[in-house]
Protein backbone atom coordinates (compact mmCIF):
# COMPACT_ATOMS: atom_id res chain seq x y z
CA MET A 1 90.67 89.28 110.49
CA GLY A 2 90.82 90.99 107.29
CA ALA A 3 87.05 92.14 107.50
CA THR A 4 87.46 94.74 104.74
CA GLY A 5 89.32 92.53 102.65
CA ASN A 6 88.07 89.62 99.95
CA GLN A 7 87.93 86.85 102.21
CA GLY A 8 87.35 88.06 105.86
CA GLY A 9 84.86 90.32 104.12
CA ALA A 10 82.79 87.47 102.63
CA VAL A 11 82.74 85.72 106.20
CA ALA A 12 81.95 88.49 108.07
CA ARG A 13 78.96 88.88 105.61
CA ALA A 14 77.93 85.68 105.95
CA LEU A 15 78.03 85.32 109.50
CA LEU A 16 75.93 88.62 109.93
CA SER A 17 73.29 87.58 107.18
CA SER A 18 72.54 84.68 109.25
CA GLY A 19 71.42 86.45 111.93
CA GLY A 20 73.46 83.92 114.57
CA PHE A 21 76.50 85.68 115.36
CA ASN A 22 77.84 88.95 116.86
CA VAL A 23 80.35 89.75 114.49
CA ASN A 24 83.58 91.70 115.35
CA ALA A 25 85.22 93.21 112.34
CA LEU A 26 89.16 93.20 112.74
CA SER A 27 90.89 95.66 110.37
CA ARG A 28 94.09 97.86 110.46
CA LYS A 29 91.86 101.04 109.71
CA THR A 30 88.09 101.09 110.82
CA ASN A 31 87.28 104.17 108.82
CA SER A 32 86.43 103.02 105.06
CA GLU A 33 83.53 102.49 103.22
CA VAL A 34 83.74 98.64 103.30
CA MET A 35 83.80 99.15 107.37
CA ASP A 36 80.96 101.34 107.21
CA LYS A 37 79.18 98.78 105.07
CA LEU A 38 79.53 95.88 107.91
CA VAL A 39 78.61 98.20 110.56
CA LYS A 40 75.25 99.03 109.20
CA GLN A 41 74.92 95.27 108.57
CA GLY A 42 75.62 94.80 112.45
CA ALA A 43 78.93 94.26 112.78
CA THR A 44 81.49 95.88 115.42
CA PRO A 45 84.59 97.66 114.17
CA VAL A 46 87.67 96.66 115.85
CA GLN A 47 91.12 98.19 115.18
CA ALA A 48 94.04 95.97 115.56
CA ASP A 49 97.75 95.76 113.97
CA PRO A 50 98.25 92.13 113.04
CA ALA A 51 102.07 92.75 113.68
CA ASP A 52 101.34 93.61 117.33
CA LYS A 53 100.27 90.49 119.20
CA ASP A 54 99.23 92.68 122.17
CA SER A 55 96.39 94.49 120.21
CA LEU A 56 95.32 91.31 118.87
CA VAL A 57 95.16 89.73 122.37
CA LYS A 58 92.63 92.49 123.18
CA ALA A 59 90.98 92.32 119.86
CA PHE A 60 90.08 88.60 120.22
CA GLN A 61 89.27 88.86 123.83
CA GLY A 62 85.67 87.36 124.45
CA CYS A 63 85.42 86.13 121.09
CA ASP A 64 84.47 82.18 120.68
CA TYR A 65 85.69 82.05 117.14
CA ALA A 66 88.10 83.68 114.73
CA PHE A 67 89.14 84.00 111.25
CA LEU A 68 92.36 84.25 110.80
CA MET A 69 94.46 85.17 107.16
CA THR A 70 97.65 86.98 106.48
CA THR A 71 98.32 88.63 102.82
CA GLY A 72 101.90 88.27 101.03
CA GLN A 73 102.22 91.89 101.94
CA GLU A 74 103.09 91.40 105.36
CA GLN A 75 106.78 92.04 106.21
CA ASP A 76 107.07 88.98 107.84
CA GLU A 77 103.72 86.84 107.10
CA PHE A 78 104.79 83.81 108.94
CA GLY A 79 105.56 85.87 112.11
CA THR A 80 102.14 87.83 111.65
CA GLY A 81 100.29 84.64 111.32
CA LYS A 82 101.70 82.97 114.22
CA ALA A 83 101.15 85.93 116.46
CA ALA A 84 97.65 85.68 115.52
CA VAL A 85 97.14 82.48 116.30
CA ASP A 86 99.19 82.98 119.71
CA ALA A 87 97.14 85.86 120.41
CA CYS A 88 93.88 83.50 120.00
CA ILE A 89 94.93 81.06 122.44
CA GLU A 90 96.09 83.80 124.96
CA ALA A 91 92.61 85.24 124.74
CA ALA A 92 91.06 81.78 125.24
CA VAL A 93 89.19 81.60 121.67
CA LYS A 94 87.68 78.19 121.31
CA TYR A 95 88.02 77.73 117.52
CA ILE A 96 89.83 79.16 114.48
CA LEU A 97 89.44 78.72 111.09
CA TRP A 98 92.99 79.53 109.00
CA SER A 99 93.04 80.52 105.32
CA THR A 100 95.73 78.37 104.06
CA LEU A 101 97.69 77.49 100.95
CA ASP A 102 100.00 74.65 99.53
CA ASN A 103 103.69 74.51 100.55
CA THR A 104 104.88 74.97 96.87
CA SER A 105 108.64 74.29 97.71
CA LYS A 106 107.84 71.07 99.40
CA MET A 107 105.33 69.86 96.46
CA SER A 108 107.61 71.05 93.75
CA GLY A 109 110.86 69.81 95.51
CA GLY A 110 112.16 73.28 95.23
CA ARG A 111 111.28 74.15 91.46
CA ILE A 112 108.49 76.67 92.08
CA VAL A 113 108.94 78.81 95.38
CA ILE A 114 106.04 81.22 96.10
CA PRO A 115 106.64 82.89 99.71
CA PHE A 116 103.21 83.97 100.46
CA TYR A 117 101.82 80.39 99.74
CA ASP A 118 104.50 78.78 101.66
CA ASN A 119 104.53 81.07 104.40
CA LYS A 120 100.51 80.29 105.04
CA ALA A 121 101.29 76.47 104.92
CA LYS A 122 103.96 76.95 107.58
CA VAL A 123 101.42 78.82 109.97
CA GLN A 124 99.24 75.67 109.26
CA ASP A 125 102.18 73.26 110.56
CA TYR A 126 102.56 75.43 113.57
CA ILE A 127 98.69 75.60 114.44
CA GLN A 128 99.07 71.42 114.14
CA THR A 129 101.46 71.66 116.90
CA THR A 130 99.22 73.49 119.27
CA LYS A 131 96.00 72.69 121.25
CA ILE A 132 93.64 75.07 119.84
CA ALA A 133 90.67 73.73 117.85
CA ALA A 134 91.25 74.38 114.15
CA THR A 135 90.11 74.11 110.55
CA PHE A 136 92.08 75.02 107.32
CA VAL A 137 90.29 76.92 104.52
CA HIS A 138 92.27 76.44 101.32
CA PRO A 139 90.87 78.68 98.45
CA GLY A 140 91.20 77.84 94.52
CA CYS A 141 91.79 80.67 92.05
CA PHE A 142 89.89 83.70 92.62
CA ILE A 143 87.04 84.25 89.72
CA SER A 144 87.19 88.03 90.86
CA ASN A 145 90.67 88.03 88.97
CA PHE A 146 88.44 87.60 85.84
CA ILE A 147 87.59 91.36 86.13
CA ASP A 148 89.27 92.77 88.85
CA PHE A 149 92.87 91.93 87.06
CA HIS A 150 91.20 92.51 83.59
CA TRP A 151 91.46 88.89 82.56
CA LEU A 152 88.25 89.36 80.81
CA ARG A 153 88.22 92.50 78.92
CA PRO A 154 86.80 94.18 75.91
CA ALA A 155 88.42 93.73 72.62
CA ASP A 156 88.99 96.39 69.97
CA LYS A 157 86.28 95.30 67.88
CA PRO A 158 82.33 95.33 68.33
CA ASN A 159 80.60 92.78 70.36
CA THR A 160 83.71 90.86 71.41
CA LEU A 161 85.73 90.25 74.58
CA ILE A 162 89.40 88.89 75.20
CA PHE A 163 90.03 86.53 77.74
CA ALA A 164 93.60 86.36 78.78
CA PRO A 165 94.50 84.38 81.98
CA PRO A 166 98.19 84.24 82.62
CA ILE A 167 99.54 80.93 81.75
CA PHE A 168 96.50 78.79 81.91
CA LYS A 169 95.65 76.85 78.81
CA ARG A 170 92.15 76.89 77.38
CA GLY A 171 91.83 73.11 78.21
CA THR A 172 93.91 73.18 81.70
CA LYS A 173 91.11 72.35 84.83
CA VAL A 174 91.59 74.71 87.32
CA LEU A 175 89.34 74.91 90.93
CA CYS A 176 87.56 78.18 90.90
CA SER A 177 86.50 79.98 93.95
CA TRP A 178 84.19 82.71 94.49
CA ILE A 179 85.20 83.94 97.77
CA GLU A 180 81.88 85.93 98.36
CA LYS A 181 80.04 82.85 98.02
CA ASP A 182 82.34 79.68 98.73
CA MET A 183 84.63 81.05 101.70
CA GLY A 184 81.41 82.86 103.47
CA GLN A 185 79.28 79.67 103.07
CA THR A 186 82.02 77.67 104.10
CA ALA A 187 83.12 79.52 107.27
CA LEU A 188 79.15 79.90 108.18
CA ALA A 189 79.04 76.42 108.03
CA ALA A 190 82.40 75.57 110.33
CA PHE A 191 81.17 77.80 113.04
CA SER A 192 77.61 76.69 113.11
CA ASP A 193 78.74 73.22 113.60
CA PHE A 194 81.39 73.66 116.17
CA GLY A 195 80.62 71.28 119.08
CA LYS A 196 78.48 69.14 117.07
CA ASP A 197 80.45 67.89 114.09
CA ASP A 198 84.02 67.20 115.10
CA ARG A 199 85.23 66.19 111.69
CA TRP A 200 85.91 69.71 111.10
CA LEU A 201 88.50 69.83 113.56
CA GLY A 202 91.89 69.46 111.95
CA ARG A 203 90.53 69.17 108.69
CA GLU A 204 91.89 70.76 105.40
CA VAL A 205 88.91 72.10 103.19
CA ILE A 206 89.41 72.91 99.87
CA VAL A 207 87.12 76.06 99.12
CA GLY A 208 85.94 75.99 95.31
CA SER A 209 82.66 75.31 93.81
CA ILE A 210 83.76 74.57 90.12
CA PHE A 211 86.58 72.15 88.94
CA GLY A 212 86.59 72.92 84.98
CA THR A 213 88.38 74.64 82.06
CA PHE A 214 88.11 78.17 81.05
CA GLY A 215 87.18 76.99 77.70
CA ASP A 216 84.16 75.70 79.81
CA ALA A 217 83.51 79.16 81.13
CA VAL A 218 84.27 80.95 77.73
CA LYS A 219 81.17 78.72 76.07
CA VAL A 220 78.81 79.72 78.89
CA ILE A 221 79.86 83.08 78.62
CA GLU A 222 79.49 83.51 74.67
CA ARG A 223 76.04 81.70 75.03
CA ASP A 224 74.48 83.62 77.88
CA THR A 225 75.62 87.12 76.60
CA GLY A 226 75.76 86.89 72.98
CA VAL A 227 79.19 88.13 72.53
CA THR A 228 82.33 86.52 71.20
CA VAL A 229 85.14 85.75 73.42
CA GLU A 230 88.84 85.35 71.85
CA TYR A 231 91.06 83.29 74.20
CA ALA A 232 94.26 84.27 74.38
CA GLU A 233 96.88 81.93 76.07
CA MET A 234 99.94 83.88 77.48
CA SER A 235 103.37 82.23 78.00
CA ARG A 236 105.84 83.36 80.88
CA GLU A 237 107.57 85.16 78.36
CA THR A 238 104.80 87.13 77.71
CA CYS A 239 103.61 87.63 81.19
CA ILE A 240 107.39 88.43 82.58
CA LYS A 241 106.85 91.85 80.72
CA PHE A 242 104.00 93.15 82.94
CA MET A 243 103.88 90.48 86.03
CA PRO A 244 106.29 89.76 88.95
CA SER A 245 108.01 86.60 88.41
CA ASP A 246 106.53 84.84 91.76
CA VAL A 247 103.04 85.61 90.89
CA ILE A 248 103.50 83.73 87.33
CA SER A 249 105.02 80.97 89.44
CA LEU A 250 101.64 80.85 91.31
CA PHE A 251 99.81 80.30 88.27
CA GLU A 252 102.40 77.88 86.98
CA PHE A 253 102.21 76.11 90.31
CA HIS A 254 98.39 75.68 89.59
CA GLN A 255 98.65 74.60 86.32
CA GLU A 256 100.83 71.60 87.35
CA PHE A 257 99.65 70.83 90.72
CA THR A 258 95.77 71.31 90.90
CA GLU A 259 95.17 67.87 89.74
CA ARG A 260 97.03 65.49 92.18
CA GLU A 261 96.20 61.87 93.45
CA GLY A 262 93.84 61.51 96.02
CA VAL A 263 92.21 65.18 95.69
CA GLN A 264 88.88 65.56 94.57
CA TYR A 265 86.81 68.82 93.58
CA PRO A 266 84.42 70.21 94.83
CA ASP A 267 85.41 69.01 98.44
CA PRO A 268 83.65 65.86 99.20
CA PHE A 269 83.17 66.74 102.73
CA LEU A 270 81.62 70.25 101.81
CA VAL A 271 79.50 68.61 99.31
CA GLU A 272 78.21 66.10 101.96
CA LYS A 273 77.76 69.01 104.30
CA LYS A 274 75.97 70.71 101.49
CA VAL A 275 77.94 73.73 101.69
CA LEU A 276 79.45 73.46 98.01
CA PRO A 277 78.71 74.24 95.34
CA THR A 278 77.24 77.73 95.77
CA TRP A 279 77.40 78.99 92.23
CA THR A 280 77.83 78.07 88.53
CA TRP A 281 79.43 79.75 85.67
CA GLU A 282 75.77 80.79 84.82
CA ASP A 283 75.59 82.80 88.36
CA PHE A 284 78.95 84.61 87.51
CA VAL A 285 77.77 85.58 84.18
CA GLU A 286 74.28 87.15 85.37
CA GLU A 287 75.84 88.65 88.65
CA GLU A 288 79.23 89.92 88.09
CA LEU A 289 79.77 89.77 84.12
CA LYS A 290 76.64 91.32 82.92
CA PRO A 291 76.85 94.35 84.91
CA ALA A 292 80.70 94.72 84.03
CA LEU A 293 79.51 94.30 80.42
CA ALA A 294 77.01 97.25 80.67
CA LYS A 295 79.72 99.56 82.13
CA TRP A 296 82.15 98.84 79.26
CA GLN A 297 79.57 99.35 76.77
CA LYS A 298 78.79 102.84 78.13
CA GLN A 299 82.59 103.83 77.71
């Protein structure tokens, strides 16, 4: 599911690149540039409406494995996720990966409520009441936000960038996920291991390669690009001027709950399986930031 989005696309590309899977790329719309690229790599485009269980059953027919996810833009996110799971069961899919997140209401005692997190967690709870084989893949903070959402951007003075992530302080530890690498390789390993290593089954894996501070990232960026990076901490009062309240709550939740008792990063199981880590801050600078810098300098 979501083959033309960040997570689904990363999974599809990893499976296609491995050469070991026939990939059906499911999306609401199959006439897009992203889908065209997947088809050129060998994917079969499949149109289905995630809100229509019957269309999902038809889409999943003949599939052994499925990567499932929803977005917070669904009118009924829990219902959509449940329908996808039920469709997989009806279509006799053997094994699913569900992209999950924390139940913020439960973890915060109701202080922080992020519906598009809680709904994914509730779908996970539902899956655990069924008999379908499943693994729950839990991403961290997307480092694509650095550029896509302008957390990192040119300043008004030469050779200087501003880094302004919402809420996160310079010294706060954050679990960071490069979805193209982390989610793609995790899904590839999980599907490849089905029937070989049952430790995947019923397990929630934390999909993120780096657990560190954004201050650490700034040091690498300055060293490897030669630019000065000014870190601008943004409070809720500043963020509320241009950002929805539930999105601000998301970052507040991560600020408070990323470090928790009994949880290690990167995920020890994925490290043991040699899935993580897939990248370093140096890789991010080389592959993503330097091309962006070159583009900014031409503007």
